[in-house]
Amino acid sequence: MECEFPKENASNPEIDAILDTYKTIAVVGLSDKPDRPSYGVSEYMKAQGYRIIPVNPAAETILGEKSYPSVAAIPEAVEIVNIFRKPDAVPAIVDEAIAKGAKVVWMQDGIVHNAAADKARAAGLKVVMSKCLYREHRRHNG
């Protein structure tokens, strides 16, 4: 599974529609360390007006927002579940995203899990794999 490639992925127009439509992002694996990619991407998206909800059981707050131990523990609606975790963690996160009623599962650069993606799509979620939310937002608004 280390070299898995997306067998199906969202197109640029589909990604653009996701970025225009959904504004609440649960970030699974959001680090409280400013030098980590998850922090920089989330800080940027927050500055662009998106609601960031950190999911990190080891932190109380990140980017001034309360952190939760899991997607399931978030008390409000979530639209995008942005994943900064290794591929083997993805299936459980996708299950939580489906149960939570999320609209999109977004796996960051290098993260691909085709079976979990198929399950998410079958449940009606949109799926983006191995793409950076920051770079896609910049491309869309470039």
C-alpha atoms as a PDB file:
ATOM      1  CA  MET A   1       0.000   0.000   0.000  1.00  0.00           C
ATOM      2  CA  GLU A   2       3.043   2.295   0.195  1.00  0.00           C
ATOM      3  CA  CYS A   3       2.943   2.970  -3.566  1.00  0.00           C
ATOM      4  CA  GLU A   4      -0.796   3.045  -4.088  1.00  0.00           C
ATOM      5  CA  PHE A   5      -2.032   5.557  -6.656  1.00  0.00           C
ATOM      6  CA  PRO A   6      -5.548   6.962  -6.859  1.00  0.00           C
ATOM      7  CA  LYS A   7      -7.573   4.817  -9.258  1.00  0.00           C
ATOM      8  CA  GLU A   8     -10.177   7.586  -9.353  1.00  0.00           C
ATOM      9  CA  ASN A   9      -9.826  11.166  -8.156  1.00  0.00           C
ATOM     10  CA  ALA A  10     -11.676  14.461  -8.143  1.00  0.00           C
ATOM     11  CA  SER A  11     -11.150  16.653 -11.230  1.00  0.00           C
ATOM     12  CA  ASN A  12     -10.154  20.309 -10.980  1.00  0.00           C
ATOM     13  CA  PRO A  13     -13.766  21.464 -11.568  1.00  0.00           C
ATOM     14  CA  GLU A  14     -14.952  19.083  -8.821  1.00  0.00           C
ATOM     15  CA  ILE A  15     -12.261  20.391  -6.451  1.00  0.00           C
ATOM     16  CA  ASP A  16     -13.220  23.981  -7.303  1.00  0.00           C
ATOM     17  CA  ALA A  17     -16.863  23.206  -6.455  1.00  0.00           C
ATOM     18  CA  ILE A  18     -15.780  21.645  -3.134  1.00  0.00           C
ATOM     19  CA  LEU A  19     -13.740  24.745  -2.230  1.00  0.00           C
ATOM     20  CA  ASP A  20     -16.607  27.080  -3.155  1.00  0.00           C
ATOM     21  CA  THR A  21     -19.337  25.072  -1.409  1.00  0.00           C
ATOM     22  CA  TYR A  22     -17.915  23.696   1.840  1.00  0.00           C
ATOM     23  CA  LYS A  23     -16.344  25.896   4.523  1.00  0.00           C
ATOM     24  CA  THR A  24     -16.060  23.714   7.666  1.00  0.00           C
ATOM     25  CA  ILE A  25     -12.940  21.536   7.729  1.00  0.00           C
ATOM     26  CA  ALA A  26     -12.049  18.949  10.376  1.00  0.00           C
ATOM     27  CA  VAL A  27      -8.276  18.450  10.112  1.00  0.00           C
ATOM     28  CA  VAL A  28      -7.281  14.973  11.301  1.00  0.00           C
ATOM     29  CA  GLY A  29      -3.647  14.936  12.381  1.00  0.00           C
ATOM     30  CA  LEU A  30      -3.383  18.713  12.743  1.00  0.00           C
ATOM     31  CA  SER A  31      -0.116  19.392  14.557  1.00  0.00           C
ATOM     32  CA  ASP A  32       0.317  22.168  17.099  1.00  0.00           C
ATOM     33  CA  LYS A  33       3.851  22.717  15.750  1.00  0.00           C
ATOM     34  CA  PRO A  34       4.009  25.705  13.346  1.00  0.00           C
ATOM     35  CA  ASP A  35       6.727  24.065  11.206  1.00  0.00           C
ATOM     36  CA  ARG A  36       4.503  21.102  10.250  1.00  0.00           C
ATOM     37  CA  PRO A  37       2.620  21.066   6.911  1.00  0.00           C
ATOM     38  CA  SER A  38      -0.712  20.375   8.620  1.00  0.00           C
ATOM     39  CA  TYR A  39      -0.334  23.560  10.677  1.00  0.00           C
ATOM     40  CA  GLY A  40       0.658  25.743   7.717  1.00  0.00           C
ATOM     41  CA  VAL A  41      -2.133  24.453   5.470  1.00  0.00           C
ATOM     42  CA  SER A  42      -4.737  24.873   8.219  1.00  0.00           C
ATOM     43  CA  GLU A  43      -3.477  28.331   9.175  1.00  0.00           C
ATOM     44  CA  TYR A  44      -3.757  29.389   5.523  1.00  0.00           C
ATOM     45  CA  MET A  45      -7.277  27.957   5.102  1.00  0.00           C
ATOM     46  CA  LYS A  46      -8.423  29.653   8.317  1.00  0.00           C
ATOM     47  CA  ALA A  47      -7.071  32.966   7.016  1.00  0.00           C
ATOM     48  CA  GLN A  48      -9.120  32.385   3.837  1.00  0.00           C
ATOM     49  CA  GLY A  49     -12.311  32.240   5.911  1.00  0.00           C
ATOM     50  CA  TYR A  50     -12.715  28.497   6.392  1.00  0.00           C
ATOM     51  CA  ARG A  51     -13.704  27.082   9.792  1.00  0.00           C
ATOM     52  CA  ILE A  52     -10.901  24.813  11.020  1.00  0.00           C
ATOM     53  CA  ILE A  53     -11.647  22.127  13.606  1.00  0.00           C
ATOM     54  CA  PRO A  54      -8.471  20.400  14.850  1.00  0.00           C
ATOM     55  CA  VAL A  55      -8.535  16.643  15.427  1.00  0.00           C
ATOM     56  CA  ASN A  56      -5.545  15.745  17.589  1.00  0.00           C
ATOM     57  CA  PRO A  57      -5.976  13.839  20.870  1.00  0.00           C
ATOM     58  CA  ALA A  58      -2.643  15.170  22.182  1.00  0.00           C
ATOM     59  CA  ALA A  59      -3.561  18.872  21.995  1.00  0.00           C
ATOM     60  CA  GLU A  60      -6.180  21.005  23.743  1.00  0.00           C
ATOM     61  CA  THR A  61      -6.170  23.877  21.261  1.00  0.00           C
ATOM     62  CA  ILE A  62      -4.497  24.508  17.909  1.00  0.00           C
ATOM     63  CA  LEU A  63      -4.724  27.764  15.940  1.00  0.00           C
ATOM     64  CA  GLY A  64      -6.953  29.119  18.690  1.00  0.00           C
ATOM     65  CA  GLU A  65      -9.527  26.354  18.147  1.00  0.00           C
ATOM     66  CA  LYS A  66     -10.539  23.557  20.533  1.00  0.00           C
ATOM     67  CA  SER A  67      -9.026  20.252  19.459  1.00  0.00           C
ATOM     68  CA  TYR A  68     -10.978  16.988  19.523  1.00  0.00           C
ATOM     69  CA  PRO A  69      -9.697  13.424  19.898  1.00  0.00           C
ATOM     70  CA  SER A  70     -11.656  12.170  16.850  1.00  0.00           C
ATOM     71  CA  VAL A  71     -14.056  13.282  14.133  1.00  0.00           C
ATOM     72  CA  ALA A  72     -16.840  11.519  16.046  1.00  0.00           C
ATOM     73  CA  ALA A  73     -16.181  13.717  19.111  1.00  0.00           C
ATOM     74  CA  ILE A  74     -16.780  16.995  17.234  1.00  0.00           C
ATOM     75  CA  PRO A  75     -20.122  18.416  18.458  1.00  0.00           C
ATOM     76  CA  GLU A  76     -20.931  20.356  15.279  1.00  0.00           C
ATOM     77  CA  ALA A  77     -21.437  19.548  11.603  1.00  0.00           C
ATOM     78  CA  VAL A  78     -18.341  18.916   9.510  1.00  0.00           C
ATOM     79  CA  GLU A  79     -18.249  19.287   5.734  1.00  0.00           C
ATOM     80  CA  ILE A  80     -14.663  18.368   4.768  1.00  0.00           C
ATOM     81  CA  VAL A  81     -12.531  15.848   6.647  1.00  0.00           C
ATOM     82  CA  ASN A  82      -8.929  16.708   5.719  1.00  0.00           C
ATOM     83  CA  ILE A  83      -6.541  13.846   6.529  1.00  0.00           C
ATOM     84  CA  PHE A  84      -2.887  14.319   7.519  1.00  0.00           C
ATOM     85  CA  ARG A  85      -2.328  10.726   8.660  1.00  0.00           C
ATOM     86  CA  LYS A  86      -0.644   7.644   7.219  1.00  0.00           C
ATOM     87  CA  PRO A  87      -2.744   5.613   4.761  1.00  0.00           C
ATOM     88  CA  ASP A  88      -3.318   2.793   7.267  1.00  0.00           C
ATOM     89  CA  ALA A  89      -5.267   5.248   9.479  1.00  0.00           C
ATOM     90  CA  VAL A  90      -7.569   6.317   6.631  1.00  0.00           C
ATOM     91  CA  PRO A  91     -10.273   3.588   6.755  1.00  0.00           C
ATOM     92  CA  ALA A  92     -11.241   4.370  10.367  1.00  0.00           C
ATOM     93  CA  ILE A  93     -11.258   8.110   9.627  1.00  0.00           C
ATOM     94  CA  VAL A  94     -13.463   7.549   6.564  1.00  0.00           C
ATOM     95  CA  ASP A  95     -15.878   5.524   8.710  1.00  0.00           C
ATOM     96  CA  GLU A  96     -16.090   8.439  11.149  1.00  0.00           C
ATOM     97  CA  ALA A  97     -16.546  10.935   8.298  1.00  0.00           C
ATOM     98  CA  ILE A  98     -19.432   8.874   6.896  1.00  0.00           C
ATOM     99  CA  ALA A  99     -21.058   8.526  10.335  1.00  0.00           C
ATOM    100  CA  LYS A 100     -20.608  12.277  10.950  1.00  0.00           C
ATOM    101  CA  GLY A 101     -22.396  13.181   7.721  1.00  0.00           C
ATOM    102  CA  ALA A 102     -19.357  14.857   6.140  1.00  0.00           C
ATOM    103  CA  LYS A 103     -19.588  15.769   2.455  1.00  0.00           C
ATOM    104  CA  VAL A 104     -15.927  15.360   1.472  1.00  0.00           C
ATOM    105  CA  VAL A 105     -12.936  13.248   2.465  1.00  0.00           C
ATOM    106  CA  TRP A 106      -9.688  14.960   1.459  1.00  0.00           C
ATOM    107  CA  MET A 107      -6.403  13.044   1.727  1.00  0.00           C
ATOM    108  CA  GLN A 108      -3.321  15.273   1.626  1.00  0.00           C
ATOM    109  CA  ASP A 109      -0.248  14.826  -0.614  1.00  0.00           C
ATOM    110  CA  GLY A 110       0.974  11.249  -0.749  1.00  0.00           C
ATOM    111  CA  ILE A 111      -2.053   9.810   1.062  1.00  0.00           C
ATOM    112  CA  VAL A 112      -4.030   7.297  -0.984  1.00  0.00           C
ATOM    113  CA  HIS A 113      -6.416   4.568   0.140  1.00  0.00           C
ATOM    114  CA  ASN A 114      -8.551   3.358  -2.766  1.00  0.00           C
ATOM    115  CA  ALA A 115     -10.710   0.932  -0.756  1.00  0.00           C
ATOM    116  CA  ALA A 116     -11.601   3.629   1.815  1.00  0.00           C
ATOM    117  CA  ALA A 117     -12.212   6.094  -1.036  1.00  0.00           C
ATOM    118  CA  ASP A 118     -14.610   3.635  -2.694  1.00  0.00           C
ATOM    119  CA  LYS A 119     -16.461   3.222   0.599  1.00  0.00           C
ATOM    120  CA  ALA A 120     -16.734   6.996   1.032  1.00  0.00           C
ATOM    121  CA  ARG A 121     -18.026   7.440  -2.532  1.00  0.00           C
ATOM    122  CA  ALA A 122     -20.561   4.636  -2.030  1.00  0.00           C
ATOM    123  CA  ALA A 123     -21.839   6.575   1.008  1.00  0.00           C
ATOM    124  CA  GLY A 124     -22.244   9.707  -1.134  1.00  0.00           C
ATOM    125  CA  LEU A 125     -19.086  11.589  -0.154  1.00  0.00           C
ATOM    126  CA  LYS A 126     -16.775  13.313  -2.596  1.00  0.00           C
ATOM    127  CA  VAL A 127     -13.160  12.128  -2.396  1.00  0.00           C
ATOM    128  CA  VAL A 128      -9.872  13.898  -3.105  1.00  0.00           C
ATOM    129  CA  MET A 129      -6.660  11.886  -2.742  1.00  0.00           C
ATOM    130  CA  SER A 130      -2.992  12.884  -2.690  1.00  0.00           C
ATOM    131  CA  LYS A 131      -3.633  16.584  -3.263  1.00  0.00           C
ATOM    132  CA  CYS A 132      -2.671  19.517  -1.061  1.00  0.00           C
ATOM    133  CA  LEU A 133      -5.629  21.623   0.098  1.00  0.00           C
ATOM    134  CA  TYR A 134      -3.411  24.732   0.212  1.00  0.00           C
ATOM    135  CA  ARG A 135      -2.088  24.279  -3.344  1.00  0.00           C
ATOM    136  CA  GLU A 136      -5.541  23.460  -4.709  1.00  0.00           C
ATOM    137  CA  HIS A 137      -7.015  26.564  -3.075  1.00  0.00           C
ATOM    138  CA  ARG A 138      -4.212  28.704  -4.511  1.00  0.00           C
ATOM    139  CA  ARG A 139      -4.738  27.179  -7.983  1.00  0.00           C
ATOM    140  CA  HIS A 140      -8.505  27.777  -7.754  1.00  0.00           C
ATOM    141  CA  ASN A 141      -8.118  31.378  -6.651  1.00  0.00           C
ATOM    142  CA  GLY A 142      -5.000  32.112  -8.724  1.00  0.00           C
END
